[in-house]
Amino acid sequence: MHTQAATALTAPGGDVTALRRLFAELLDRTENVHLVAALVAGADVRYDMGEEHPAAPTGWFVPPIDLTTDDGRERRLAELLRDARPLLLDLTGGDDLAATAEPWNDQVHRVTATADDAPAPALLIRPDGYVAWAGADPDSLKTALTRWFSPA
């Protein structure tokens, strides 16, 4: 559908020129640019992650986040996802989530860090880059870990 729409916008003719102008006006709004970019990239899909009332980023493709890891290094989240393993990104500054996730340490890579632009205090990110869980509650994290990676 996206390819057909893009192809249609390149066709000659006055009616298509009007459509291109309308589309250009719509793209003057930042929120529309983000919507179209997500649509084209395939990041406009929100998956059901099994929670009745999930935190905002749950189910969406994880946004880019600039982090400072515990070793003081500045890293991009994308760097931590390169090995295609599930990732628990813990930004809470506490030990509760680490203790909860310990039985899954052989399956889930856990990184503690700080970030100014994170959408939640902690994120469980699937290998495909989608947020499987977000929050700070150890009990809901345990539920998510059990759902995605079997009981501990």
N, C-alpha and C. Protein backbone atom coordinates (compact mmCIF):
# COMPACT_ATOMS: atom_id res chain seq x y z
N MET A 1 0.82 -1.18 0.00
CA MET A 1 0.00 0.00 0.00
C MET A 1 0.88 1.26 0.00
N HIS A 2 1.95 1.26 0.82
CA HIS A 2 2.80 2.44 0.90
C HIS A 2 3.49 2.69 -0.44
N THR A 3 3.96 1.63 -1.07
CA THR A 3 4.64 1.76 -2.36
C THR A 3 3.67 2.27 -3.41
N GLN A 4 2.45 1.75 -3.41
CA GLN A 4 1.46 2.20 -4.38
C GLN A 4 1.12 3.68 -4.17
N ALA A 5 0.99 4.09 -2.92
CA ALA A 5 0.69 5.49 -2.63
C ALA A 5 1.83 6.39 -3.07
N ALA A 6 3.07 5.99 -2.78
CA ALA A 6 4.23 6.79 -3.18
C ALA A 6 4.32 6.88 -4.69
N THR A 7 4.04 5.77 -5.37
CA THR A 7 4.07 5.76 -6.83
C THR A 7 2.99 6.67 -7.39
N ALA A 8 1.81 6.63 -6.80
CA ALA A 8 0.71 7.47 -7.26
C ALA A 8 1.06 8.95 -7.15
N LEU A 9 1.81 9.32 -6.11
CA LEU A 9 2.18 10.72 -5.92
C LEU A 9 3.19 11.22 -6.95
N THR A 10 3.85 10.31 -7.67
CA THR A 10 4.82 10.71 -8.69
C THR A 10 4.21 10.78 -10.09
N ALA A 11 2.95 10.40 -10.23
CA ALA A 11 2.30 10.41 -11.54
C ALA A 11 2.07 11.85 -12.00
N PRO A 12 2.06 12.06 -13.31
CA PRO A 12 1.79 13.40 -13.83
C PRO A 12 0.29 13.72 -13.77
N GLY A 13 -0.02 14.98 -13.82
CA GLY A 13 -1.42 15.39 -13.90
C GLY A 13 -1.79 16.38 -12.82
N GLY A 14 -2.75 17.24 -13.14
CA GLY A 14 -3.19 18.27 -12.23
C GLY A 14 -3.81 17.74 -10.96
N ASP A 15 -4.58 16.64 -11.08
CA ASP A 15 -5.22 16.09 -9.88
C ASP A 15 -4.17 15.53 -8.91
N VAL A 16 -3.11 14.95 -9.44
CA VAL A 16 -2.04 14.43 -8.59
C VAL A 16 -1.22 15.58 -8.00
N THR A 17 -1.04 16.64 -8.77
CA THR A 17 -0.33 17.81 -8.26
C THR A 17 -1.07 18.38 -7.05
N ALA A 18 -2.39 18.44 -7.13
CA ALA A 18 -3.18 18.91 -5.99
C ALA A 18 -3.01 17.98 -4.79
N LEU A 19 -2.98 16.70 -5.05
CA LEU A 19 -2.78 15.73 -3.97
C LEU A 19 -1.39 15.89 -3.34
N ARG A 20 -0.36 16.12 -4.17
CA ARG A 20 1.00 16.34 -3.65
C ARG A 20 1.04 17.59 -2.77
N ARG A 21 0.36 18.65 -3.20
CA ARG A 21 0.34 19.88 -2.41
C ARG A 21 -0.35 19.64 -1.07
N LEU A 22 -1.46 18.92 -1.09
CA LEU A 22 -2.17 18.61 0.14
C LEU A 22 -1.27 17.78 1.07
N PHE A 23 -0.61 16.79 0.50
CA PHE A 23 0.29 15.94 1.29
C PHE A 23 1.43 16.76 1.88
N ALA A 24 1.97 17.69 1.09
CA ALA A 24 3.05 18.56 1.58
C ALA A 24 2.56 19.43 2.73
N GLU A 25 1.34 19.94 2.63
CA GLU A 25 0.78 20.73 3.73
C GLU A 25 0.63 19.89 4.99
N LEU A 26 0.18 18.65 4.84
CA LEU A 26 0.04 17.77 5.99
C LEU A 26 1.39 17.49 6.64
N LEU A 27 2.43 17.40 5.81
CA LEU A 27 3.77 17.11 6.34
C LEU A 27 4.44 18.34 6.95
N ASP A 28 3.79 19.48 6.91
CA ASP A 28 4.30 20.65 7.61
C ASP A 28 4.12 20.51 9.12
N ARG A 29 3.29 19.58 9.56
CA ARG A 29 3.05 19.34 10.98
C ARG A 29 3.96 18.21 11.45
N THR A 30 4.72 18.49 12.50
CA THR A 30 5.70 17.54 13.01
C THR A 30 5.07 16.20 13.37
N GLU A 31 3.90 16.23 13.99
CA GLU A 31 3.27 14.96 14.38
C GLU A 31 2.92 14.11 13.17
N ASN A 32 2.59 14.74 12.05
CA ASN A 32 2.29 13.97 10.83
C ASN A 32 3.56 13.38 10.23
N VAL A 33 4.66 14.11 10.31
CA VAL A 33 5.94 13.58 9.82
C VAL A 33 6.31 12.33 10.62
N HIS A 34 6.16 12.41 11.95
CA HIS A 34 6.47 11.26 12.79
C HIS A 34 5.55 10.08 12.46
N LEU A 35 4.28 10.36 12.24
CA LEU A 35 3.33 9.31 11.90
C LEU A 35 3.68 8.63 10.58
N VAL A 36 3.98 9.41 9.57
CA VAL A 36 4.34 8.85 8.26
C VAL A 36 5.66 8.10 8.34
N ALA A 37 6.63 8.65 9.06
CA ALA A 37 7.92 7.96 9.21
C ALA A 37 7.73 6.62 9.91
N ALA A 38 6.93 6.57 10.95
CA ALA A 38 6.67 5.31 11.65
C ALA A 38 5.94 4.34 10.74
N LEU A 39 5.01 4.85 9.96
CA LEU A 39 4.25 4.00 9.04
C LEU A 39 5.17 3.37 8.00
N VAL A 40 6.03 4.18 7.41
CA VAL A 40 6.95 3.68 6.38
C VAL A 40 7.97 2.71 6.97
N ALA A 41 8.41 2.98 8.21
CA ALA A 41 9.41 2.12 8.85
C ALA A 41 8.80 0.87 9.46
N GLY A 42 7.48 0.80 9.51
CA GLY A 42 6.83 -0.35 10.12
C GLY A 42 6.79 -0.26 11.63
N ALA A 43 7.06 0.91 12.18
CA ALA A 43 7.08 1.08 13.63
C ALA A 43 5.77 1.66 14.16
N ASP A 44 4.72 1.62 13.35
CA ASP A 44 3.43 2.15 13.75
C ASP A 44 2.55 1.08 14.38
N VAL A 45 3.08 -0.11 14.54
CA VAL A 45 2.32 -1.23 15.07
C VAL A 45 2.52 -1.32 16.58
N ARG A 46 1.41 -1.44 17.31
CA ARG A 46 1.51 -1.67 18.76
C ARG A 46 0.99 -3.07 19.03
N TYR A 47 1.87 -3.92 19.56
CA TYR A 47 1.52 -5.30 19.85
C TYR A 47 0.88 -5.42 21.23
N ASP A 48 -0.03 -6.36 21.35
CA ASP A 48 -0.63 -6.70 22.64
C ASP A 48 0.40 -7.52 23.41
N MET A 49 0.83 -6.99 24.53
CA MET A 49 1.85 -7.67 25.32
C MET A 49 1.25 -8.40 26.53
N GLY A 50 -0.06 -8.51 26.56
CA GLY A 50 -0.71 -9.32 27.58
C GLY A 50 -1.06 -8.60 28.86
N GLU A 51 -0.86 -7.29 28.91
CA GLU A 51 -1.22 -6.52 30.10
C GLU A 51 -2.53 -5.80 29.84
N GLU A 52 -3.38 -5.76 30.85
CA GLU A 52 -4.67 -5.10 30.69
C GLU A 52 -4.52 -3.60 30.50
N HIS A 53 -3.64 -2.98 31.30
CA HIS A 53 -3.40 -1.53 31.21
C HIS A 53 -1.89 -1.28 31.16
N PRO A 54 -1.28 -1.53 30.00
CA PRO A 54 0.19 -1.41 29.93
C PRO A 54 0.65 0.05 30.01
N ALA A 55 1.87 0.22 30.49
CA ALA A 55 2.50 1.55 30.48
C ALA A 55 2.68 1.99 29.04
N ALA A 56 2.75 3.27 28.83
CA ALA A 56 2.75 3.88 27.49
C ALA A 56 3.68 3.22 26.47
N PRO A 57 4.95 2.93 26.76
CA PRO A 57 5.77 2.38 25.69
C PRO A 57 5.57 0.88 25.43
N THR A 58 4.83 0.20 26.29
CA THR A 58 4.65 -1.24 26.14
C THR A 58 3.91 -1.55 24.85
N GLY A 59 4.50 -2.45 24.07
CA GLY A 59 3.91 -2.85 22.80
C GLY A 59 4.44 -2.10 21.60
N TRP A 60 5.06 -0.96 21.84
CA TRP A 60 5.62 -0.15 20.75
C TRP A 60 7.09 -0.48 20.54
N PHE A 61 7.60 -0.16 19.36
CA PHE A 61 9.02 -0.28 19.09
C PHE A 61 9.73 0.71 20.01
N VAL A 62 10.81 0.27 20.63
CA VAL A 62 11.51 1.10 21.61
C VAL A 62 12.09 2.34 20.93
N PRO A 63 11.90 3.51 21.53
CA PRO A 63 12.47 4.72 20.93
C PRO A 63 13.96 4.79 21.18
N PRO A 64 14.68 5.60 20.42
CA PRO A 64 16.11 5.77 20.70
C PRO A 64 16.29 6.45 22.06
N ILE A 65 17.21 5.95 22.85
CA ILE A 65 17.47 6.50 24.18
C ILE A 65 18.98 6.61 24.34
N ASP A 66 19.44 7.76 24.78
CA ASP A 66 20.85 7.95 25.11
C ASP A 66 21.04 7.63 26.58
N LEU A 67 21.99 6.75 26.87
CA LEU A 67 22.18 6.23 28.22
C LEU A 67 23.57 6.51 28.74
N THR A 68 23.67 6.53 30.05
CA THR A 68 24.98 6.47 30.71
C THR A 68 24.93 5.22 31.57
N THR A 69 25.73 4.23 31.21
CA THR A 69 25.73 2.97 31.93
C THR A 69 26.51 3.11 33.24
N ASP A 70 26.37 2.09 34.09
CA ASP A 70 27.01 2.13 35.41
C ASP A 70 28.52 2.33 35.34
N ASP A 71 29.14 1.93 34.24
CA ASP A 71 30.59 2.11 34.11
C ASP A 71 30.95 3.52 33.64
N GLY A 72 29.94 4.41 33.53
CA GLY A 72 30.18 5.79 33.15
C GLY A 72 30.22 6.05 31.65
N ARG A 73 30.03 5.01 30.86
CA ARG A 73 30.08 5.16 29.40
C ARG A 73 28.75 5.68 28.87
N GLU A 74 28.83 6.59 27.92
CA GLU A 74 27.63 7.04 27.22
C GLU A 74 27.38 6.08 26.07
N ARG A 75 26.16 5.55 26.02
CA ARG A 75 25.82 4.54 25.00
C ARG A 75 24.45 4.84 24.43
N ARG A 76 24.25 4.43 23.23
CA ARG A 76 22.92 4.48 22.64
C ARG A 76 22.26 3.13 22.90
N LEU A 77 20.96 3.15 23.07
CA LEU A 77 20.24 1.91 23.33
C LEU A 77 20.45 0.90 22.21
N ALA A 78 20.53 1.37 20.99
CA ALA A 78 20.73 0.48 19.85
C ALA A 78 21.98 -0.38 20.01
N GLU A 79 23.02 0.16 20.64
CA GLU A 79 24.25 -0.61 20.86
C GLU A 79 23.98 -1.82 21.76
N LEU A 80 23.11 -1.65 22.73
CA LEU A 80 22.83 -2.73 23.68
C LEU A 80 21.91 -3.80 23.08
N LEU A 81 21.28 -3.49 21.97
CA LEU A 81 20.36 -4.43 21.34
C LEU A 81 21.00 -5.19 20.18
N ARG A 82 22.24 -4.92 19.88
CA ARG A 82 22.90 -5.53 18.72
C ARG A 82 23.02 -7.04 18.80
N ASP A 83 23.12 -7.60 20.00
CA ASP A 83 23.31 -9.04 20.11
C ASP A 83 22.00 -9.81 20.01
N ALA A 84 20.89 -9.12 19.78
CA ALA A 84 19.56 -9.73 19.57
C ALA A 84 19.12 -10.60 20.74
N ARG A 85 19.47 -10.17 21.95
CA ARG A 85 19.00 -10.83 23.17
C ARG A 85 17.97 -9.93 23.84
N PRO A 86 17.06 -10.52 24.60
CA PRO A 86 16.16 -9.69 25.40
C PRO A 86 16.98 -8.82 26.34
N LEU A 87 16.49 -7.61 26.59
CA LEU A 87 17.23 -6.66 27.41
C LEU A 87 16.30 -6.07 28.47
N LEU A 88 16.75 -6.11 29.71
CA LEU A 88 16.08 -5.39 30.78
C LEU A 88 16.91 -4.15 31.05
N LEU A 89 16.38 -3.01 30.68
CA LEU A 89 17.05 -1.74 30.89
C LEU A 89 16.49 -1.15 32.18
N ASP A 90 17.31 -1.14 33.22
CA ASP A 90 16.89 -0.70 34.55
C ASP A 90 17.44 0.70 34.82
N LEU A 91 16.54 1.66 34.88
CA LEU A 91 16.91 3.05 35.12
C LEU A 91 16.43 3.52 36.48
N THR A 92 16.00 2.58 37.32
CA THR A 92 15.39 2.93 38.61
C THR A 92 16.40 3.37 39.65
N GLY A 93 17.63 2.92 39.54
CA GLY A 93 18.64 3.26 40.53
C GLY A 93 18.56 2.40 41.79
N GLY A 94 17.68 1.40 41.80
CA GLY A 94 17.54 0.52 42.96
C GLY A 94 17.89 -0.92 42.62
N ASP A 95 17.70 -1.79 43.60
CA ASP A 95 18.05 -3.20 43.42
C ASP A 95 16.83 -4.11 43.27
N ASP A 96 15.62 -3.59 43.41
CA ASP A 96 14.42 -4.42 43.39
C ASP A 96 14.24 -5.19 42.09
N LEU A 97 14.41 -4.50 40.96
CA LEU A 97 14.21 -5.16 39.67
C LEU A 97 15.32 -6.18 39.39
N ALA A 98 16.53 -5.87 39.82
CA ALA A 98 17.65 -6.81 39.64
C ALA A 98 17.37 -8.10 40.39
N ALA A 99 16.87 -8.00 41.61
CA ALA A 99 16.56 -9.18 42.40
C ALA A 99 15.44 -9.98 41.75
N THR A 100 14.44 -9.30 41.23
CA THR A 100 13.33 -9.97 40.57
C THR A 100 13.79 -10.69 39.31
N ALA A 101 14.66 -10.07 38.55
CA ALA A 101 15.11 -10.63 37.27
C ALA A 101 16.21 -11.66 37.40
N GLU A 102 16.78 -11.82 38.57
CA GLU A 102 17.93 -12.72 38.74
C GLU A 102 17.70 -14.13 38.20
N PRO A 103 16.55 -14.76 38.42
CA PRO A 103 16.37 -16.11 37.87
C PRO A 103 16.41 -16.18 36.34
N TRP A 104 16.30 -15.07 35.66
CA TRP A 104 16.32 -15.04 34.20
C TRP A 104 17.64 -14.49 33.67
N ASN A 105 18.65 -14.34 34.51
CA ASN A 105 19.92 -13.75 34.07
C ASN A 105 20.58 -14.50 32.92
N ASP A 106 20.32 -15.79 32.79
CA ASP A 106 20.91 -16.54 31.69
C ASP A 106 20.18 -16.30 30.36
N GLN A 107 18.98 -15.70 30.42
CA GLN A 107 18.19 -15.46 29.22
C GLN A 107 18.08 -13.99 28.85
N VAL A 108 18.12 -13.13 29.87
CA VAL A 108 17.87 -11.70 29.66
C VAL A 108 19.09 -10.91 30.09
N HIS A 109 19.60 -10.11 29.17
CA HIS A 109 20.72 -9.23 29.47
C HIS A 109 20.17 -8.04 30.27
N ARG A 110 20.74 -7.77 31.43
CA ARG A 110 20.28 -6.67 32.28
C ARG A 110 21.34 -5.59 32.31
N VAL A 111 20.90 -4.36 32.06
CA VAL A 111 21.80 -3.21 32.07
C VAL A 111 21.18 -2.15 32.97
N THR A 112 21.98 -1.64 33.89
CA THR A 112 21.55 -0.51 34.71
C THR A 112 22.20 0.75 34.15
N ALA A 113 21.42 1.79 34.11
CA ALA A 113 21.91 3.03 33.50
C ALA A 113 21.06 4.20 33.97
N THR A 114 21.42 5.37 33.50
CA THR A 114 20.60 6.56 33.67
C THR A 114 20.32 7.13 32.29
N ALA A 115 19.20 7.84 32.19
CA ALA A 115 18.84 8.46 30.92
C ALA A 115 17.90 9.62 31.18
N ASP A 116 18.07 10.68 30.44
CA ASP A 116 17.20 11.84 30.59
C ASP A 116 15.91 11.70 29.80
N ASP A 117 15.94 10.90 28.75
CA ASP A 117 14.81 10.85 27.82
C ASP A 117 14.09 9.51 27.80
N ALA A 118 14.18 8.74 28.85
CA ALA A 118 13.55 7.41 28.87
C ALA A 118 12.04 7.53 29.04
N PRO A 119 11.28 6.68 28.36
CA PRO A 119 9.83 6.75 28.47
C PRO A 119 9.27 6.06 29.72
N ALA A 120 10.12 5.35 30.47
CA ALA A 120 9.68 4.63 31.67
C ALA A 120 10.91 4.38 32.55
N PRO A 121 10.68 4.06 33.85
CA PRO A 121 11.82 3.81 34.75
C PRO A 121 12.59 2.53 34.41
N ALA A 122 11.95 1.59 33.75
CA ALA A 122 12.62 0.36 33.31
C ALA A 122 11.87 -0.19 32.11
N LEU A 123 12.61 -0.86 31.24
CA LEU A 123 12.02 -1.43 30.03
C LEU A 123 12.53 -2.85 29.83
N LEU A 124 11.63 -3.76 29.55
CA LEU A 124 11.99 -5.11 29.12
C LEU A 124 11.77 -5.11 27.61
N ILE A 125 12.86 -5.26 26.87
CA ILE A 125 12.81 -5.12 25.42
C ILE A 125 13.07 -6.47 24.77
N ARG A 126 12.15 -6.87 23.90
CA ARG A 126 12.31 -8.12 23.18
C ARG A 126 13.44 -8.00 22.17
N PRO A 127 13.96 -9.13 21.68
CA PRO A 127 15.05 -9.07 20.69
C PRO A 127 14.67 -8.32 19.41
N ASP A 128 13.37 -8.24 19.09
CA ASP A 128 12.96 -7.52 17.89
C ASP A 128 12.83 -6.01 18.12
N GLY A 129 13.13 -5.55 19.34
CA GLY A 129 13.11 -4.13 19.62
C GLY A 129 11.80 -3.59 20.16
N TYR A 130 10.83 -4.47 20.37
CA TYR A 130 9.55 -4.02 20.93
C TYR A 130 9.58 -4.13 22.45
N VAL A 131 8.94 -3.16 23.11
CA VAL A 131 8.90 -3.12 24.56
C VAL A 131 7.85 -4.13 25.05
N ALA A 132 8.32 -5.15 25.78
CA ALA A 132 7.42 -6.18 26.31
C ALA A 132 6.83 -5.77 27.65
N TRP A 133 7.50 -4.88 28.36
CA TRP A 133 7.05 -4.41 29.67
C TRP A 133 7.74 -3.10 29.97
N ALA A 134 7.05 -2.24 30.69
CA ALA A 134 7.65 -0.98 31.14
C ALA A 134 7.09 -0.65 32.52
N GLY A 135 7.93 -0.08 33.35
CA GLY A 135 7.48 0.31 34.68
C GLY A 135 8.57 0.21 35.70
N ALA A 136 8.15 0.04 36.97
CA ALA A 136 9.11 -0.09 38.06
C ALA A 136 8.65 -1.10 39.09
N ASP A 137 7.50 -1.74 38.84
CA ASP A 137 6.94 -2.67 39.80
C ASP A 137 7.54 -4.07 39.62
N PRO A 138 8.23 -4.59 40.65
CA PRO A 138 8.85 -5.92 40.53
C PRO A 138 7.85 -7.03 40.24
N ASP A 139 6.65 -6.96 40.81
CA ASP A 139 5.67 -8.02 40.57
C ASP A 139 5.22 -8.07 39.11
N SER A 140 4.99 -6.90 38.52
CA SER A 140 4.58 -6.90 37.11
C SER A 140 5.75 -7.29 36.20
N LEU A 141 6.98 -6.96 36.61
CA LEU A 141 8.15 -7.42 35.85
C LEU A 141 8.23 -8.94 35.88
N LYS A 142 8.02 -9.52 37.06
CA LYS A 142 8.07 -10.98 37.17
C LYS A 142 7.01 -11.63 36.28
N THR A 143 5.83 -11.04 36.24
CA THR A 143 4.77 -11.56 35.37
C THR A 143 5.21 -11.52 33.90
N ALA A 144 5.81 -10.40 33.50
CA ALA A 144 6.26 -10.26 32.11
C ALA A 144 7.40 -11.24 31.79
N LEU A 145 8.36 -11.37 32.69
CA LEU A 145 9.46 -12.31 32.47
C LEU A 145 8.95 -13.75 32.36
N THR A 146 8.01 -14.09 33.21
CA THR A 146 7.42 -15.44 33.16
C THR A 146 6.67 -15.65 31.84
N ARG A 147 5.94 -14.64 31.42
CA ARG A 147 5.18 -14.77 30.17
C ARG A 147 6.11 -14.96 28.98
N TRP A 148 7.16 -14.16 28.90
CA TRP A 148 8.02 -14.18 27.73
C TRP A 148 9.12 -15.23 27.78
N PHE A 149 9.59 -15.59 28.98
CA PHE A 149 10.77 -16.45 29.05
C PHE A 149 10.58 -17.66 29.95
N SER A 150 9.36 -18.04 30.23
CA SER A 150 8.99 -19.21 31.02
C SER A 150 9.22 -18.96 32.52
N PRO A 151 8.57 -19.72 33.36
CA PRO A 151 8.75 -19.54 34.81
C PRO A 151 10.20 -19.79 35.24
N ALA A 152 10.61 -19.05 36.25
CA ALA A 152 11.99 -19.21 36.75
C ALA A 152 12.11 -20.47 37.57
